[in-house]
Structures are given as C-alpha cells and as structure tokens.
Protein backbone atom coordinates (compact mmCIF):
# COMPACT_ATOMS: atom_id res chain seq x y z
CA MET A 1 66.09 58.53 161.72
CA ALA A 2 69.45 60.29 161.14
CA PHE A 3 69.63 63.92 160.06
CA GLY A 4 70.87 62.92 156.63
CA GLU A 5 67.73 60.88 156.17
CA HIS A 6 65.72 63.87 157.38
CA GLU A 7 67.27 65.91 154.54
CA ALA A 8 66.24 63.29 151.98
CA VAL A 9 62.67 63.23 153.30
CA TRP A 10 62.52 67.04 153.22
CA SER A 11 63.76 67.16 149.63
CA ARG A 12 61.30 64.51 148.48
CA HIS A 13 58.30 66.19 150.05
CA SER A 14 59.30 69.62 148.76
CA THR A 15 59.18 68.11 145.28
CA TRP A 16 55.73 66.69 145.98
CA LEU A 17 54.56 70.13 147.08
CA SER A 18 55.72 71.65 143.80
CA ILE A 19 53.86 68.96 141.86
CA ALA A 20 50.75 69.54 143.97
CA LEU A 21 50.87 73.28 143.25
CA SER A 22 51.15 72.61 139.53
CA GLN A 23 48.23 70.18 139.61
CA LEU A 24 46.11 72.60 141.59
CA SER A 25 46.71 75.49 139.20
CA ARG A 26 45.40 73.34 136.36
CA ARG A 27 42.38 72.23 138.37
CA LEU A 28 41.37 75.83 139.07
CA THR A 29 41.31 76.99 135.45
CA PRO A 30 37.85 77.29 133.83
CA GLY A 31 38.43 73.97 132.07
CA GLY A 32 39.46 72.30 135.30
CA LEU A 33 36.46 73.68 137.12
CA ALA A 34 34.24 72.48 134.31
CA GLN A 35 35.61 68.95 134.62
CA SER A 36 35.00 69.13 138.36
CA ALA A 37 31.40 70.04 137.61
CA GLY A 38 31.05 66.93 135.46
CA CYS A 39 31.51 68.62 132.04
CA TYR A 40 34.45 68.43 129.66
CA ASP A 41 33.58 71.48 127.61
CA SER A 42 34.17 74.55 129.71
CA GLU A 43 31.85 76.60 127.45
CA SER A 44 28.89 74.32 128.30
CA VAL A 45 29.14 75.12 132.02
CA PRO A 46 27.03 78.08 133.17
CA PRO A 47 29.38 80.98 134.05
CA THR A 48 27.62 81.48 137.36
CA HIS A 49 28.36 77.88 138.33
CA VAL A 50 32.05 78.23 137.53
CA THR A 51 32.12 81.54 139.40
CA THR A 52 30.54 79.94 142.46
CA LEU A 53 33.06 77.10 142.35
CA SER A 54 35.88 79.63 142.05
CA LEU A 55 34.65 81.69 144.98
CA LEU A 56 34.66 78.59 147.16
CA ALA A 57 37.67 76.74 145.76
CA LEU A 58 40.21 79.53 145.37
CA PRO A 59 40.28 80.65 149.03
CA LEU A 60 40.30 77.03 150.20
CA ALA A 61 43.13 76.22 147.81
CA ALA A 62 45.16 79.20 149.00
CA LEU A 63 44.66 78.26 152.64
CA LEU A 64 45.55 74.64 151.90
CA MET A 65 48.76 75.62 150.16
CA GLY A 66 49.72 77.73 153.14
CA SER A 67 48.87 74.82 155.41
CA LEU A 68 51.06 72.42 153.42
CA VAL A 69 53.96 74.86 153.62
CA TYR A 70 53.34 75.08 157.36
CA SER A 71 53.42 71.28 157.62
CA LEU A 72 56.87 71.29 156.08
CA LEU A 73 57.89 74.06 158.49
CA THR A 74 57.03 71.80 161.41
CA VAL A 75 59.49 69.25 160.06
CA VAL A 76 62.22 71.89 159.73
CA ALA A 77 61.40 73.23 163.20
CA ALA A 78 61.62 69.73 164.70
CA ARG A 79 65.05 69.25 163.11
CA ASN A 80 66.11 72.69 164.35
CA TYR A 81 65.12 71.78 167.91
CA LEU A 82 66.84 68.39 167.80
CA LYS A 83 70.07 69.92 166.50
CA THR A 84 70.41 71.97 169.68
CA GLN A 85 72.96 70.13 171.77
CA PRO A 86 72.25 69.76 175.52
CA THR A 87 74.45 72.00 177.65
CA PRO A 88 76.92 70.12 179.90
CA PRO A 89 76.00 70.53 183.59
CA PRO A 90 77.99 73.06 185.62
CA LYS A 91 80.66 71.90 188.05
CA VAL A 92 78.72 73.44 190.91
CA LEU A 93 75.00 72.69 190.69
CA PRO A 94 72.79 75.45 192.09
CA PRO A 95 70.10 74.49 194.63
CA ILE A 96 66.56 74.41 193.23
CA SER A 97 63.06 74.75 194.64
CA ILE A 98 60.22 72.70 193.08
CA LEU A 99 56.78 74.29 193.51
CA THR A 100 53.59 72.30 192.88
CA PRO A 101 50.04 73.55 193.55
CA LEU A 102 47.60 70.80 194.57
CA ALA A 103 43.83 70.63 194.13
CA GLY A 104 42.11 67.27 194.35
CA VAL A 105 43.47 63.88 193.35
CA ASP A 106 44.47 63.67 189.70
CA LEU A 107 44.91 60.33 187.95
CA GLY A 108 48.41 59.08 188.85
CA LEU A 109 48.97 61.89 191.36
CA GLU A 110 51.21 59.92 193.71
CA GLU A 111 53.60 58.83 190.95
CA ASN A 112 53.66 62.36 189.60
CA LEU A 113 54.64 63.79 193.00
CA ARG A 114 57.21 61.04 193.56
CA SER A 115 59.00 62.07 190.38
CA SER A 116 59.88 65.40 192.02
CA PHE A 117 61.50 63.62 194.98
CA GLN A 118 63.38 61.11 192.81
CA GLN A 119 65.53 63.69 191.03
CA ASP A 120 69.19 62.84 190.51
CA TYR A 121 70.33 66.12 192.01
CA PRO A 122 72.37 67.02 195.11
CA GLU A 123 70.34 69.86 196.65
CA PHE A 124 66.69 70.68 196.12
CA GLU A 125 63.46 71.14 198.02
CA VAL A 126 59.80 70.47 197.24
CA VAL A 127 57.01 72.85 198.22
CA PHE A 128 53.31 71.96 197.90
CA ALA A 129 50.36 74.30 198.33
CA ILE A 130 46.71 73.50 198.94
CA ARG A 131 43.79 75.91 199.17
CA GLN A 132 42.12 74.23 202.16
CA ALA A 133 43.50 71.90 204.81
CA ASP A 134 40.98 69.19 203.98
CA ASP A 135 41.90 68.95 200.30
CA PRO A 136 41.79 65.29 199.14
CA SER A 137 45.38 65.56 197.89
CA VAL A 138 46.79 66.05 201.40
CA PRO A 139 47.07 62.35 202.37
CA VAL A 140 48.79 61.59 199.06
CA ALA A 141 51.26 64.46 199.48
CA ARG A 142 51.98 63.50 203.09
CA ARG A 143 52.61 59.88 202.11
CA VAL A 144 55.08 60.89 199.43
CA MET A 145 56.84 63.37 201.72
CA SER A 146 57.30 60.72 204.42
CA ALA A 147 58.70 58.26 201.85
CA PHE A 148 61.57 60.67 201.10
CA PRO A 149 62.67 62.06 204.50
CA ARG A 150 66.05 63.22 203.15
CA VAL A 151 64.44 65.62 200.69
CA PRO A 152 63.36 68.87 202.40
CA SER A 153 59.66 69.37 201.73
CA THR A 154 56.85 71.63 202.88
CA LEU A 155 53.08 71.61 202.54
CA ILE A 156 51.41 74.98 203.03
CA VAL A 157 47.77 76.00 203.20
CA ALA A 158 47.55 78.97 200.83
CA GLY A 159 43.95 79.83 201.65
CA GLU A 160 41.32 81.23 199.34
CA PRO A 161 42.77 83.28 196.47
CA ASP A 162 42.35 87.04 196.42
CA CYS A 163 42.71 87.14 192.62
CA ALA A 164 41.17 85.46 189.59
CA ASN A 165 44.02 83.03 188.94
CA ALA A 166 44.12 80.60 191.86
CA LYS A 167 47.24 78.89 190.51
CA VAL A 168 49.20 82.15 190.49
CA PHE A 169 47.98 82.87 194.03
CA SER A 170 49.34 79.49 195.21
CA LEU A 171 52.62 80.00 193.36
CA ALA A 172 53.09 83.36 195.07
CA ARG A 173 52.59 81.74 198.49
CA MET A 174 55.02 78.94 197.69
CA THR A 175 57.63 81.37 196.31
CA ALA A 176 57.51 83.26 199.60
CA VAL A 177 58.62 80.17 201.55
CA ALA A 178 60.95 78.70 198.90
CA GLN A 179 64.64 78.99 199.79
CA PHE A 180 66.38 78.99 196.43
CA ASP A 181 66.83 81.21 193.37
CA LEU A 182 65.80 78.74 190.68
CA LEU A 183 62.08 77.99 190.91
CA VAL A 184 60.63 74.96 189.12
CA MET A 185 56.86 75.15 188.67
CA ASN A 186 55.47 71.72 187.88
CA ASP A 187 51.73 71.12 187.77
CA SER A 188 50.48 68.14 189.78
CA ASP A 189 49.87 66.20 186.55
CA ILE A 190 53.53 66.42 185.48
CA ARG A 191 55.83 63.41 185.81
CA ALA A 192 59.44 64.55 185.48
CA PRO A 193 62.38 62.40 184.36
CA ARG A 194 65.15 61.90 186.92
CA ASN A 195 67.53 64.17 185.00
CA MET A 196 65.19 67.14 184.80
CA LEU A 197 66.92 69.31 187.41
CA ARG A 198 70.39 68.57 186.02
CA THR A 199 69.21 69.48 182.53
CA VAL A 200 67.62 72.79 183.45
CA ALA A 201 70.49 73.73 185.78
CA ALA A 202 72.82 73.38 182.80
CA GLU A 203 70.54 75.53 180.66
CA PHE A 204 70.60 78.30 183.29
CA GLN A 205 74.40 78.60 183.10
CA ASP A 206 73.81 81.41 180.62
CA ALA A 207 73.19 84.40 182.88
CA ALA A 208 70.92 85.92 180.21
CA VAL A 209 68.43 83.06 180.56
CA GLY A 210 65.50 84.10 182.74
CA LEU A 211 63.05 81.30 182.02
CA VAL A 212 63.20 77.72 180.74
CA THR A 213 60.07 75.85 179.76
CA CYS A 214 59.78 72.12 179.12
CA PRO A 215 58.01 70.50 176.17
CA TYR A 216 55.69 67.74 177.25
CA ARG A 217 54.43 64.40 176.02
CA ALA A 218 50.73 64.08 176.82
CA ILE A 219 49.72 60.78 178.42
CA PRO A 220 45.95 60.21 178.28
CA GLY A 221 43.68 58.16 180.52
CA ARG A 222 41.31 55.54 179.22
CA SER A 223 38.61 57.85 177.87
CA TRP A 224 38.50 58.62 174.17
CA PRO A 225 38.19 62.40 174.68
CA SER A 226 41.48 62.37 176.60
CA LYS A 227 43.14 60.24 173.91
CA LEU A 228 42.06 62.65 171.18
CA GLU A 229 43.31 65.61 173.21
CA ALA A 230 46.66 63.88 173.72
CA LEU A 231 46.93 63.41 169.95
CA LEU A 232 46.35 67.15 169.58
CA MET A 233 49.00 68.07 172.15
CA ASN A 234 51.61 65.66 170.79
CA THR A 235 51.25 66.83 167.19
CA GLN A 236 49.47 70.06 166.33
CA PHE A 237 50.14 71.95 169.57
CA LEU A 238 53.85 71.18 169.91
CA GLY A 239 54.31 71.73 166.17
CA GLY A 240 53.08 75.30 166.65
CA VAL A 241 55.45 75.78 169.59
CA LEU A 242 58.46 74.59 167.58
CA VAL A 243 57.60 76.71 164.54
CA ALA A 244 57.18 79.81 166.72
CA ARG A 245 60.52 79.04 168.40
CA MET A 246 62.25 78.76 165.04
CA LEU A 247 60.71 81.85 163.43
CA GLU A 248 60.69 84.38 166.26
CA GLY A 249 62.24 82.76 169.30
CA MET A 250 60.56 81.78 172.55
CA LYS A 251 58.46 84.68 173.81
CA PHE A 252 56.09 82.55 175.86
CA ALA A 253 56.15 79.59 178.22
CA LEU A 254 54.28 76.30 178.54
CA GLY A 255 52.25 76.22 181.74
CA PRO A 256 52.56 72.59 182.93
CA SER A 257 56.32 72.84 183.52
CA LEU A 258 58.49 75.95 183.60
CA ILE A 259 61.53 77.16 185.53
CA VAL A 260 62.20 80.80 186.32
CA ARG A 261 65.08 82.68 187.87
CA ARG A 262 63.79 84.51 190.95
CA SER A 263 65.51 87.76 189.93
CA ALA A 264 63.81 87.63 186.51
CA LEU A 265 60.44 87.07 188.16
CA GLU A 266 61.01 90.03 190.47
CA ARG A 267 62.05 92.20 187.55
CA ILE A 268 58.60 91.84 185.94
CA GLY A 269 56.80 92.64 189.20
CA GLY A 270 56.55 89.14 190.63
CA TRP A 271 53.38 87.08 190.61
CA THR A 272 51.30 90.21 191.14
CA SER A 273 51.77 91.09 187.48
CA LEU A 274 50.20 87.76 186.45
CA LYS A 275 47.39 87.29 188.97
CA ASP A 276 44.52 88.42 186.73
CA PHE A 277 45.54 86.62 183.52
CA LEU A 278 44.09 83.26 182.54
CA ALA A 279 47.09 82.28 180.38
CA GLU A 280 49.71 83.17 182.97
CA ASP A 281 52.22 80.89 181.22
CA PHE A 282 52.03 82.88 177.99
CA VAL A 283 52.20 86.19 179.86
CA ILE A 284 55.17 85.30 182.08
CA GLY A 285 57.19 84.25 179.04
CA LYS A 286 56.20 87.41 177.19
CA LEU A 287 57.05 89.74 180.08
CA ILE A 288 60.37 88.07 180.89
CA SER A 289 61.35 88.22 177.22
CA GLU A 290 60.38 91.90 177.01
CA ALA A 291 62.44 92.55 180.15
CA GLY A 292 65.56 91.49 178.24
CA HIS A 293 65.97 87.92 179.48
CA ARG A 294 66.19 84.87 177.25
CA VAL A 295 63.37 82.35 177.26
CA ILE A 296 64.34 78.91 175.99
CA LEU A 297 62.63 75.61 175.27
CA SER A 298 64.36 72.97 177.35
CA SER A 299 65.85 69.79 175.94
CA CYS A 300 64.10 67.96 178.79
CA VAL A 301 60.75 66.44 177.80
CA VAL A 302 58.35 65.80 180.68
CA GLU A 303 55.20 63.67 180.81
CA HIS A 304 51.86 65.44 181.10
CA HIS A 305 49.29 63.01 182.52
CA ILE A 306 46.05 64.63 181.42
CA GLY A 307 43.61 62.26 183.12
CA SER A 308 40.54 60.58 181.73
CA SER A 309 37.84 63.22 181.44
CA GLY A 310 34.47 62.64 179.83
CA ILE A 311 33.11 64.37 176.77
CA ALA A 312 31.49 67.35 178.51
CA SER A 313 34.42 68.23 180.80
CA ASN A 314 36.95 67.67 178.03
CA LEU A 315 35.11 69.96 175.63
CA ALA A 316 34.79 72.61 178.34
CA HIS A 317 38.54 72.37 178.94
CA ARG A 318 39.37 72.65 175.25
CA ILE A 319 36.98 75.57 174.75
CA ARG A 320 38.62 77.35 177.68
CA TRP A 321 42.01 76.69 176.13
CA VAL A 322 41.15 78.12 172.70
CA ARG A 323 39.32 81.15 174.09
CA SER A 324 42.32 81.88 176.28
CA THR A 325 44.61 81.59 173.25
CA ARG A 326 42.38 83.91 171.22
CA ARG A 327 42.57 86.58 173.91
CA SER A 328 46.30 86.14 174.61
CA ARG A 329 47.45 86.36 170.98
CA PRO A 330 44.56 87.23 168.65
CA LYS A 331 46.63 87.44 165.45
CA GLY A 332 48.32 84.13 166.15
CA TYR A 333 44.96 82.54 166.82
CA VAL A 334 43.68 83.54 163.38
CA GLY A 335 46.88 82.15 161.88
CA GLU A 336 46.12 78.76 163.39
CA ILE A 337 43.98 78.13 160.32
CA PHE A 338 47.20 76.94 158.68
CA THR A 339 47.70 74.26 161.35
CA ASN A 340 44.65 72.41 159.99
CA PRO A 341 45.72 70.92 156.63
CA LEU A 342 43.45 67.89 156.63
CA PRO A 343 40.13 69.71 157.31
CA LEU A 344 41.04 72.25 154.60
CA ALA A 345 41.86 69.50 152.12
CA LEU A 346 38.59 67.71 152.91
CA ALA A 347 36.63 70.94 152.41
CA LEU A 348 38.33 71.57 149.06
CA TRP A 349 37.63 68.00 147.96
CA LEU A 350 33.94 68.39 148.84
CA VAL A 351 33.78 71.55 146.70
CA LEU A 352 35.91 70.14 143.88
CA PRO A 353 36.04 66.32 143.90
CA ALA A 354 38.64 66.42 141.12
CA THR A 355 41.16 67.75 143.66
CA TRP A 356 41.32 64.35 145.39
CA PRO A 357 45.06 64.03 144.60
CA LEU A 358 45.64 67.04 146.86
CA LEU A 359 43.82 65.24 149.64
CA VAL A 360 46.22 62.34 149.25
CA VAL A 361 49.22 64.71 149.28
CA THR A 362 47.85 66.40 152.40
CA VAL A 363 47.56 63.07 154.20
CA VAL A 364 51.22 62.38 153.38
CA PHE A 365 52.33 65.82 154.57
CA ARG A 366 50.30 65.49 157.77
CA ALA A 367 51.85 62.08 158.42
CA LEU A 368 55.34 63.52 157.94
CA SER A 369 54.59 66.35 160.38
CA VAL A 370 53.26 63.87 162.94
CA ALA A 371 56.35 61.71 162.54
CA ALA A 372 58.61 64.72 163.09
CA ILE A 373 56.84 66.08 166.16
CA ALA A 374 55.49 63.00 167.92
CA GLY A 375 58.18 60.61 166.71
CA TRP A 376 61.47 62.47 166.46
CA VAL A 377 60.94 65.02 169.24
CA LEU A 378 58.62 63.39 171.79
CA ARG A 379 59.35 59.68 171.19
CA ASP A 380 55.60 59.21 171.57
CA SER A 381 54.04 55.83 170.83
CA LEU A 382 50.43 57.02 171.16
CA CYS A 383 50.29 58.55 167.68
CA ALA A 384 51.71 55.40 166.14
CA ARG A 385 49.08 53.27 167.87
CA LEU A 386 46.18 55.61 167.14
CA PHE A 387 47.27 57.03 163.79
CA TRP A 388 43.88 56.12 162.32
CA ALA A 389 42.19 58.47 164.84
CA LEU A 390 44.22 61.51 163.76
CA PRO A 391 41.72 62.59 161.04
CA LEU A 392 38.93 62.54 163.62
CA GLN A 393 41.05 64.55 166.04
CA ASP A 394 42.01 67.05 163.31
CA ILE A 395 38.38 67.65 162.37
CA LEU A 396 37.38 68.00 166.02
CA ALA A 397 40.25 70.42 166.67
CA PHE A 398 39.22 72.50 163.66
CA LEU A 399 35.61 72.73 164.89
CA ILE A 400 36.78 73.70 168.38
CA TRP A 401 39.09 76.31 166.85
CA VAL A 402 36.11 77.83 165.01
CA ALA A 403 34.05 77.74 168.21
CA GLY A 404 36.85 79.58 169.98
CA PHE A 405 36.04 82.74 168.01
CA PHE A 406 32.74 82.99 169.84
CA GLY A 407 32.00 83.60 173.50
CA ASN A 408 33.90 85.19 176.37
CA ARG A 409 32.86 82.98 179.27
CA ILE A 410 34.76 79.99 180.59
CA THR A 411 34.37 77.42 183.34
CA TRP A 412 37.38 76.50 185.46
CA ARG A 413 37.22 74.06 188.40
CA GLY A 414 33.47 74.52 188.69
CA ARG A 415 33.52 78.32 188.65
CA ASN A 416 32.40 80.67 185.89
CA TYR A 417 34.58 83.51 184.64
CA TYR A 418 34.39 86.32 182.11
CA LEU A 419 37.38 86.62 179.79
CA HIS A 420 38.37 90.17 178.82
CA ARG A 421 39.94 91.25 175.53
CA ASP A 422 43.42 91.64 177.03
CA GLY A 423 43.45 88.10 178.47
CA ARG A 424 42.47 89.09 182.01
CA PHE A 425 39.52 87.28 183.54
CA GLU A 426 37.22 87.70 186.52
CA LEU A 427 34.90 85.53 188.57
CA ILE A 428 31.22 85.96 187.71
CA GLY A 429 29.62 83.12 189.67
C-alpha cells in the first residue's frame, strides 16, 4: 500500500472515530442508558440502576476512546517508521563481532546460527558462549563453525554466572574475547537476513549513535500457545515500540537483537551495570540514551524463532515478561491498558449491549492497526492466516496483563527468582 493510500485510510478512520464518539455520547445520556436497560422512558428506570450503569460504562467508555486513539497512533507510528530511509553503507565497512549465548538446543538452532555466518559482509567474527562444556548446543555450534572455515569463530566456556542475569554474564565473557568495536548481540533464536551487518554498519555512521536495536518478526512453532504469542509480538508489542519511538524516541532496546558500540557500553560501566537486572535490554537502552548517545530502531527486521512451548511453559514465560515490564517501567505498564481495545469494547458491550456499534468500530480499528504493524512493517503472513485467532489472543493478553500486577516471583530456565521494585532480581532457589 502506497503512502498516499495510507493517508486516505487514516482520514477515513479518523472520521469513523468522530462518529463513534458522537454515538457514544448519546448512548451514555440517561435516555441512552435507559434504552440499554430495556426501557424507552428514562423516568421509568430506577435512578440507582442508571447510576450503576454509569459507574461501569463511563470509565470503560473513556478507556475505550483512549484505546481507539492509540490504535490510530500505531498506524501513524508505522508510517513514521517506514518513511525513514535506509542509510547508504559507508565506503569502508567497519569490522563487526557477533556474540551469541547458547543454552540447549532451540527449535531451528542450526539454521539460526548459520545466518550469522552467511552475512554479506567483508570482515566479521562470531563468538559463542556456553555455560558448561557438555551443553547440548555444542555439537550444533561446532558443526556450523566447521561449515564456514573462512569466518573467524570462537566457542568459549563461560562457566557458572556470578550474577543473577546469566545472559549478561555470558555477554561479558564474549565481549572480553571479541576483537572489534561494534558488538552484535543476537540471541540463539534469531535468524538474521544476509544484509543485517551492512544495514547496521550504515546506521552507525552517525558518531552519536551508541546502540541500534532490530525489530523482529516472531515465527512460532507448531503449538497454539506459541502461535498466540507470535500474534502478540507481531501486533500489540511492536505497535507499542513504534508508538514510543514516535512520541519520545528510542530510550530502550529489544533484547533478541541489538548492536552496541563498545565505547558506549564502556561509558555506562560495561556489563557490570546490567548484571542484576532482568530486563537488561530495556536498561542498556535507557543508560546509553541517558549517557548522551542516540538509540535507534534499525530498518533491518530479523526473525525471532520462538519455539513451540506448551501451555504451562508459555504462560510462565509471558508472566515473567509482564512482571519484568511492570518493574522496569511501572507507569508505562499501567498505560498498556490502552493497547487492549478489543477487550475494553467487549466489556463495554457486556455492560451496555446498545453500544454494539462501538464493538464493530473497534474491530475495524484493531484490524487497521494489525495491517499497519504486521503487514506494512513486518511483512508478516501469520496474522493474515490466523486473523480469526486475534480476538482470543487479545483477551488472553489482557488477562496476562492484569495478572502481571500481582506477584514478584518468576521462573527462568528452571530457576526461581525474586523480582525487586527497581527491576533487579535475585536467585531464591
């Protein structure tokens, strides 16, 4: 869809929002509430009943209106991101180190690791880290390394971590042996396009840039929990990232794939400053931004192969994610209420059935937001194939968001941790 067509869609849906607001204001008058209660004479409805409806409907209506506005913001934010032209690569491409921590054999691990070696780039190295020498990922890593003898590569045994965040511990060990200034940190479930290094090298031509982070397209396994989570990542999650980028700039990073300038990392105290935080990706972006460097969202989209977890492990993962978000940015977490238009519209419809037209409008707005994020930005086919599952995912995401307000314990790779108010966490068993 061309940008001119985007403008037409934006104008049309802005008009629909104005109509929806007008309709809602009429529905929430005493007469409208009376009709919703099944009466057409507002004086025949008990005042207490109308008051109860008002107490329930008015807050829901206000939240829904904010959520519809937010849905339109995701469309604007998607357009804003797409209008950013990729930077031409520099004449002299800087050498780059790719760092990947390994732990077990993820679904598609070998292809993920191969994507690091298949980069269309003149000079780079790949560094892997494992916690123990007998990790199941070792044969896979060795096989990939031997298939690309011309690419310098190293596999180190990092040992047991001396801090809460084992990933940060491994990254610190890999950084110590890495040769180059630009450090790419790709999780083992990331599959990078061949032009990734050329793209990020171009984006680092601006000396003010200290960190670049890549948006990702989630690729699920066969399980339904993983498919629902991928729908979340490819719509609601990235929509929030793009809106935050548009409104206040990038002051955070996305953990699966980020690139940092070594000097910027050293300026914030190195990995030591991140070792006790669960959401190290959010913190590194925040600290590098506060240190005066630019943090940007790359034009390179990577694939995030999230595996095929069952219900229990997937829910544990998602609960850990939302609790981490609540601790990292508590105000932003509360504001995520506006990222849930469909559950809000359903709740309002249950309270006031006469507001069903708003439910229809909300479905249209949600579809437009999904098209902008998953379609225009990510070129994702999953949402198109499973569009009918989006309402289920939205309701599930809303319930998990509510659950995220409660509890301070998480489980990560079979270990239990306590999550502190400032986002730090510690092992408890």
